[in-house]
Amino acid sequence: MTYTQLLNNALEILDEKGAEQAYCFMKEEAPKVSNANQAQLYNFTYCFAALCDKTEEAMGLLKEAVYNKGFWYDYEYLMEDEDLSELRKCSEFETIAQLCRERQEAAQAAAKPVLVQDNIEAEKPFMVILHGDQENAKITAPFWQSAKELGYGLGFAQSSQIQVSDGYLWDDEEQAAKEIAHHWDTLAQQGAKMEDGVLCGFSSGGRAAFYAVVSGAVAPKALILLAPWLPELEEWTEDLSKLKSAGTKVYLCCGDADEDCFEGTEELFEILDDNGIEVSFKLIPDLDHDYPENFDHILKEAVSFVGE
């Protein structure tokens, strides 16, 4: 089970079977998952414990996360989220929240855009890959390793917008576009094969990647967008001139069980196709908001489309 599958399954259990079952699921399955944001695993677990009136256990998990592990959580979230209403009645909660606020302010002050390079060489095609919401480069990297066998170097971009320990966002699309453009310039200076540069993204990373191209911040050979989250789709597709002039191909992949992203991905495909932009849409039956199990095969298909 992947990290994303774990979180999706936990939320589904919460909705269908209740907080008690969701809590037991997290306690049982979370320790088995690799490449996860450990702070978020604690977050899901103590929230479910609080929701099923296990207040003492929930506080114990929160204290372990903050005091023992050194994690922090967004201060406003801690003080306002309904799931934590019972925990806020505990005398020590305010102390924990204040400590988190101090760590949050320090982390935000120190945060900077990062590009983790893997096998990028001069005169070689490359992919720059953007993580999903509250994820990071480390979580993202394992999914894309097969691209190296297809001749691509990999660059895993990590946003400077941080919301939780090791959990980054692309919420500010203008800032994200500037960071992506900076990474693009860095690779150009290193001699990477820019005419074969591909920009990729999962979920909110797909949103940031798409905006970076339609805004003209970068002009990659292609976009590979996996389950892109596109709430501003109509606004952002009013003018596709920069995307068209760049000749950027677009490969889309999304599951039809993805309640947040399927409709937007399908609509984007239709808009791009209607505007004469080369686009391909890989529909994955029954897939929720996650990477497909056969993503290596899909990535090979995407590279083939990009290279046509």
Protein backbone atom coordinates (compact mmCIF):
# COMPACT_ATOMS: atom_id res chain seq x y z
CA MET A 1 0.00 0.00 0.00
CA THR A 2 1.35 3.43 -0.94
CA TYR A 3 1.23 6.48 1.31
CA THR A 4 -1.49 8.05 -0.82
CA GLN A 5 -3.52 4.84 -0.84
CA LEU A 6 -3.27 4.69 2.94
CA LEU A 7 -4.68 8.19 3.36
CA ASN A 8 -7.40 7.64 0.75
CA ASN A 9 -8.44 4.36 2.36
CA ALA A 10 -8.46 5.90 5.82
CA LEU A 11 -10.79 8.69 4.71
CA GLU A 12 -13.05 6.19 2.96
CA ILE A 13 -13.25 4.08 6.13
CA LEU A 14 -14.00 7.20 8.17
CA ASP A 15 -16.87 8.06 5.82
CA GLU A 16 -18.32 4.56 5.57
CA LYS A 17 -17.53 2.91 8.91
CA GLY A 18 -16.73 5.72 11.32
CA ALA A 19 -13.82 7.12 13.29
CA GLU A 20 -13.22 4.04 15.44
CA GLN A 21 -12.54 1.84 12.41
CA ALA A 22 -10.47 4.56 10.74
CA TYR A 23 -8.34 4.89 13.89
CA CYS A 24 -7.77 1.12 14.09
CA PHE A 25 -6.86 1.08 10.41
CA MET A 26 -4.24 3.80 10.84
CA LYS A 27 -2.76 2.15 13.93
CA GLU A 28 -2.44 -1.13 12.04
CA GLU A 29 -1.38 0.03 8.57
CA ALA A 30 0.55 3.29 9.00
CA PRO A 31 3.74 1.64 10.33
CA LYS A 32 3.91 -0.54 7.20
CA VAL A 33 4.00 2.32 4.69
CA SER A 34 7.28 3.64 3.31
CA ASN A 35 8.03 7.01 1.69
CA ALA A 36 5.43 8.70 3.87
CA ASN A 37 5.21 12.02 5.66
CA GLN A 38 5.44 10.75 9.23
CA ALA A 39 4.01 13.97 10.65
CA GLN A 40 0.88 13.46 8.57
CA LEU A 41 0.55 9.84 9.68
CA TYR A 42 0.48 11.06 13.27
CA ASN A 43 -1.99 13.78 12.28
CA PHE A 44 -4.49 11.36 10.76
CA THR A 45 -4.16 8.97 13.70
CA TYR A 46 -4.61 11.50 16.51
CA CYS A 47 -7.51 13.13 14.65
CA PHE A 48 -9.34 9.81 14.32
CA ALA A 49 -8.63 9.04 17.98
CA ALA A 50 -10.12 12.40 18.98
CA LEU A 51 -13.20 11.82 16.81
CA CYS A 52 -13.97 8.52 18.52
CA ASP A 53 -13.58 10.07 22.01
CA LYS A 54 -10.17 8.56 22.73
CA THR A 55 -9.00 11.94 23.97
CA GLU A 56 -6.17 10.66 26.16
CA GLU A 57 -4.78 8.52 23.35
CA ALA A 58 -5.12 11.38 20.88
CA MET A 59 -3.22 13.73 23.19
CA GLY A 60 -0.56 11.09 23.71
CA LEU A 61 -0.04 10.78 19.96
CA LEU A 62 0.04 14.56 19.49
CA LYS A 63 2.60 14.96 22.28
CA GLU A 64 4.71 12.14 20.86
CA ALA A 65 4.66 13.79 17.42
CA VAL A 66 5.58 17.24 18.72
CA TYR A 67 7.80 16.53 21.73
CA ASN A 68 9.50 13.28 20.74
CA LYS A 69 9.58 13.49 16.94
CA GLY A 70 10.02 17.24 16.63
CA PHE A 71 7.12 17.67 14.20
CA TRP A 72 4.93 20.74 13.95
CA TYR A 73 1.44 21.50 12.64
CA ASP A 74 -0.12 24.66 11.31
CA TYR A 75 -1.17 26.83 14.26
CA GLU A 76 -4.46 28.00 12.75
CA TYR A 77 -5.35 24.40 11.93
CA LEU A 78 -4.68 23.32 15.51
CA MET A 79 -6.78 26.13 16.94
CA GLU A 80 -9.71 25.94 14.52
CA ASP A 81 -10.18 22.40 13.19
CA GLU A 82 -13.41 20.83 14.44
CA ASP A 83 -11.80 17.38 14.72
CA LEU A 84 -9.61 18.70 17.54
CA SER A 85 -12.31 20.46 19.58
CA GLU A 86 -12.05 17.99 22.48
CA LEU A 87 -8.26 18.19 22.50
CA ARG A 88 -8.36 21.97 22.83
CA LYS A 89 -10.04 21.48 26.22
CA CYS A 90 -6.86 19.82 27.53
CA SER A 91 -4.61 22.07 29.57
CA GLU A 92 -1.44 21.20 27.64
CA PHE A 93 -2.90 21.77 24.19
CA GLU A 94 -2.17 25.51 24.10
CA THR A 95 1.47 24.86 25.02
CA ILE A 96 1.76 22.38 22.15
CA ALA A 97 0.07 24.78 19.73
CA GLN A 98 2.41 27.62 20.67
CA LEU A 99 5.46 25.39 20.21
CA CYS A 100 4.13 24.42 16.79
CA ARG A 101 3.67 28.08 15.89
CA GLU A 102 7.29 28.82 16.80
CA ARG A 103 8.53 25.90 14.69
CA GLN A 104 6.21 26.87 11.85
CA GLU A 105 7.53 30.44 11.76
CA ALA A 106 11.12 29.20 11.79
CA ALA A 107 10.44 26.67 9.03
CA GLN A 108 8.70 29.24 6.85
CA ALA A 109 11.56 31.69 7.30
CA ALA A 110 14.10 29.05 6.30
CA ALA A 111 12.14 27.44 3.45
CA LYS A 112 13.50 27.78 -0.07
CA PRO A 113 12.82 26.10 -3.43
CA VAL A 114 14.73 22.87 -3.93
CA LEU A 115 15.53 20.80 -7.01
CA VAL A 116 16.79 17.32 -6.20
CA GLN A 117 18.63 16.13 -9.32
CA ASP A 118 18.87 12.46 -10.21
CA ASN A 119 20.95 11.47 -13.23
CA ILE A 120 20.54 14.79 -15.07
CA GLU A 121 23.40 15.20 -17.54
CA ALA A 122 24.39 17.68 -20.23
CA GLU A 123 22.68 17.14 -23.57
CA LYS A 124 20.30 14.62 -22.05
CA PRO A 125 16.46 14.79 -21.90
CA PHE A 126 15.06 15.49 -18.46
CA MET A 127 11.88 15.70 -16.44
CA VAL A 128 11.15 18.20 -13.68
CA ILE A 129 8.52 16.68 -11.39
CA LEU A 130 6.30 18.51 -8.89
CA HIS A 131 4.96 16.80 -5.77
CA GLY A 132 1.36 16.81 -4.56
CA ASP A 133 -0.25 18.73 -1.72
CA GLN A 134 1.58 18.47 1.63
CA GLU A 135 4.15 16.14 0.08
CA ASN A 136 7.83 16.55 -0.78
CA ALA A 137 10.55 15.47 -3.21
CA LYS A 138 11.40 12.35 -1.20
CA ILE A 139 7.83 11.03 -1.33
CA THR A 140 7.58 11.73 -5.06
CA ALA A 141 10.88 10.28 -6.29
CA PRO A 142 10.16 6.52 -6.13
CA PHE A 143 7.20 6.71 -8.52
CA TRP A 144 9.25 8.18 -11.39
CA GLN A 145 12.43 6.10 -11.32
CA SER A 146 11.53 4.10 -14.43
CA ALA A 147 11.93 7.27 -16.52
CA LYS A 148 15.69 6.88 -16.13
CA GLU A 149 15.48 3.60 -18.05
CA LEU A 150 13.76 5.59 -20.82
CA GLY A 151 16.75 7.94 -21.08
CA TYR A 152 15.57 10.80 -18.88
CA GLY A 153 17.33 12.53 -16.04
CA LEU A 154 15.03 13.50 -13.18
CA GLY A 155 14.65 16.68 -11.18
CA PHE A 156 12.30 16.65 -8.20
CA ALA A 157 11.14 20.17 -7.42
CA GLN A 158 10.15 20.92 -3.84
CA SER A 159 8.16 24.07 -3.13
CA SER A 160 9.21 26.74 -0.65
CA GLN A 161 5.60 26.93 0.58
CA ILE A 162 5.44 24.78 3.72
CA GLN A 163 2.33 23.95 5.79
CA VAL A 164 3.39 21.08 8.07
CA SER A 165 6.63 19.29 8.91
CA ASP A 166 8.08 18.12 5.58
CA GLY A 167 4.78 18.93 3.83
CA TYR A 168 4.91 21.50 1.03
CA LEU A 169 2.29 23.25 -1.12
CA TRP A 170 2.01 25.01 -4.48
CA ASP A 171 -0.94 27.19 -3.42
CA ASP A 172 0.58 30.45 -4.66
CA GLU A 173 0.77 29.70 -8.38
CA GLU A 174 2.74 32.86 -9.21
CA GLN A 175 5.44 31.98 -6.70
CA ALA A 176 5.41 28.39 -7.92
CA ALA A 177 5.87 29.53 -11.53
CA LYS A 178 8.87 31.66 -10.54
CA GLU A 179 10.45 28.71 -8.74
CA ILE A 180 9.88 26.39 -11.70
CA ALA A 181 11.38 28.99 -14.06
CA HIS A 182 14.40 29.26 -11.76
CA HIS A 183 14.90 25.49 -11.89
CA TRP A 184 14.53 25.60 -15.69
CA ASP A 185 17.23 28.28 -15.90
CA THR A 186 19.52 26.30 -13.60
CA LEU A 187 19.26 23.23 -15.82
CA ALA A 188 19.88 25.31 -18.92
CA GLN A 189 23.06 26.67 -17.38
CA GLN A 190 24.16 23.11 -16.62
CA GLY A 191 23.78 22.17 -20.28
CA ALA A 192 20.67 20.00 -20.02
CA LYS A 193 18.86 19.32 -23.29
CA MET A 194 16.21 22.02 -22.91
CA GLU A 195 14.39 21.19 -26.14
CA ASP A 196 13.62 17.82 -24.57
CA GLY A 197 12.62 19.12 -21.15
CA VAL A 198 9.34 17.74 -19.77
CA LEU A 199 7.43 19.28 -16.86
CA CYS A 200 5.41 16.85 -14.75
CA GLY A 201 3.16 17.09 -11.71
CA PHE A 202 0.81 15.14 -9.47
CA SER A 203 -2.37 16.70 -8.04
CA SER A 204 -1.63 20.29 -6.93
CA GLY A 205 1.77 19.86 -8.55
CA GLY A 206 -0.07 19.31 -11.83
CA ARG A 207 -1.95 22.54 -11.23
CA ALA A 208 1.31 24.44 -10.66
CA ALA A 209 2.94 22.86 -13.72
CA PHE A 210 0.02 23.75 -15.97
CA TYR A 211 -0.05 27.36 -14.76
CA ALA A 212 3.71 27.72 -15.26
CA VAL A 213 3.23 26.88 -18.95
CA VAL A 214 0.01 28.80 -19.72
CA SER A 215 1.49 31.86 -17.99
CA GLY A 216 4.64 31.64 -20.10
CA ALA A 217 7.03 31.11 -17.19
CA VAL A 218 8.49 28.03 -18.91
CA ALA A 219 8.08 26.41 -22.34
CA PRO A 220 8.74 22.67 -22.00
CA LYS A 221 8.49 20.15 -24.79
CA ALA A 222 5.62 18.48 -22.94
CA LEU A 223 3.52 18.38 -19.81
CA ILE A 224 2.74 15.11 -18.05
CA LEU A 225 -0.05 15.77 -15.57
CA LEU A 226 -1.20 13.03 -13.21
CA ALA A 227 -4.56 13.65 -11.51
CA PRO A 228 -4.13 17.42 -11.85
CA TRP A 229 -6.19 19.55 -9.49
CA LEU A 230 -7.60 22.38 -11.63
CA PRO A 231 -10.06 24.62 -9.75
CA GLU A 232 -9.28 27.66 -11.95
CA LEU A 233 -9.54 25.77 -15.24
CA GLU A 234 -11.93 28.15 -17.03
CA GLU A 235 -9.89 31.20 -16.04
CA TRP A 236 -6.56 29.64 -16.97
CA THR A 237 -7.70 28.34 -20.37
CA GLU A 238 -9.15 31.63 -21.64
CA ASP A 239 -5.79 32.37 -23.30
CA LEU A 240 -3.77 29.37 -24.45
CA SER A 241 -1.52 31.39 -26.76
CA LYS A 242 1.67 30.77 -24.76
CA LEU A 243 1.00 27.05 -24.53
CA LYS A 244 0.28 26.88 -28.26
CA SER A 245 3.29 28.97 -29.28
CA ALA A 246 5.56 26.75 -27.19
CA GLY A 247 4.27 23.69 -29.06
CA THR A 248 3.94 21.90 -25.73
CA LYS A 249 2.29 18.48 -25.88
CA VAL A 250 0.10 17.46 -22.94
CA TYR A 251 -0.31 13.94 -21.55
CA LEU A 252 -3.07 13.58 -18.96
CA CYS A 253 -3.71 10.64 -16.63
CA CYS A 254 -6.50 10.37 -14.06
CA GLY A 255 -8.76 7.80 -12.45
CA ASP A 256 -12.52 7.93 -12.96
CA ALA A 257 -13.01 7.43 -9.19
CA ASP A 258 -11.05 10.61 -8.41
CA GLU A 259 -13.83 12.85 -7.13
CA ASP A 260 -11.66 15.96 -6.95
CA CYS A 261 -9.79 15.78 -10.25
CA PHE A 262 -11.48 13.56 -12.83
CA GLU A 263 -14.00 16.09 -14.17
CA GLY A 264 -11.39 18.83 -14.42
CA THR A 265 -8.93 16.55 -16.21
CA GLU A 266 -11.59 15.43 -18.67
CA GLU A 267 -12.61 19.04 -19.31
CA LEU A 268 -8.98 20.08 -19.82
CA PHE A 269 -8.55 17.34 -22.42
CA GLU A 270 -11.58 18.60 -24.34
CA ILE A 271 -10.44 22.24 -24.18
CA LEU A 272 -6.93 21.45 -25.38
CA ASP A 273 -8.18 19.16 -28.13
CA ASP A 274 -10.67 21.78 -29.32
CA ASN A 275 -7.84 24.33 -29.49
CA GLY A 276 -5.61 22.17 -31.64
CA ILE A 277 -3.08 21.31 -28.93
CA GLU A 278 -1.61 17.81 -29.07
CA VAL A 279 -3.08 16.02 -26.07
CA SER A 280 -3.60 12.47 -24.87
CA PHE A 281 -5.81 11.34 -21.98
CA LYS A 282 -5.17 8.06 -20.16
CA LEU A 283 -8.27 7.13 -18.16
CA ILE A 284 -7.71 4.65 -15.32
CA PRO A 285 -10.90 2.79 -14.28
CA ASP A 286 -11.71 2.74 -10.55
CA LEU A 287 -8.61 4.69 -9.55
CA ASP A 288 -9.00 7.22 -6.75
CA HIS A 289 -6.65 10.19 -6.27
CA ASP A 290 -3.36 8.31 -6.59
CA TYR A 291 -0.66 7.00 -8.87
CA PRO A 292 -1.81 3.97 -10.92
CA GLU A 293 -0.31 0.63 -9.93
CA ASN A 294 1.09 0.25 -13.46
CA PHE A 295 2.53 3.76 -13.56
CA ASP A 296 5.82 2.50 -15.03
CA HIS A 297 3.90 1.30 -18.09
CA ILE A 298 1.88 4.51 -18.29
CA LEU A 299 5.03 6.61 -18.02
CA LYS A 300 6.52 4.66 -20.93
CA GLU A 301 3.36 5.41 -22.92
CA ALA A 302 3.59 9.08 -21.99
CA VAL A 303 7.22 9.27 -23.10
CA SER A 304 6.29 7.64 -26.38
CA PHE A 305 3.57 10.25 -26.94
CA VAL A 306 5.95 13.06 -26.04
CA GLY A 307 8.56 11.78 -28.48
CA GLU A 308 6.25 11.39 -31.48
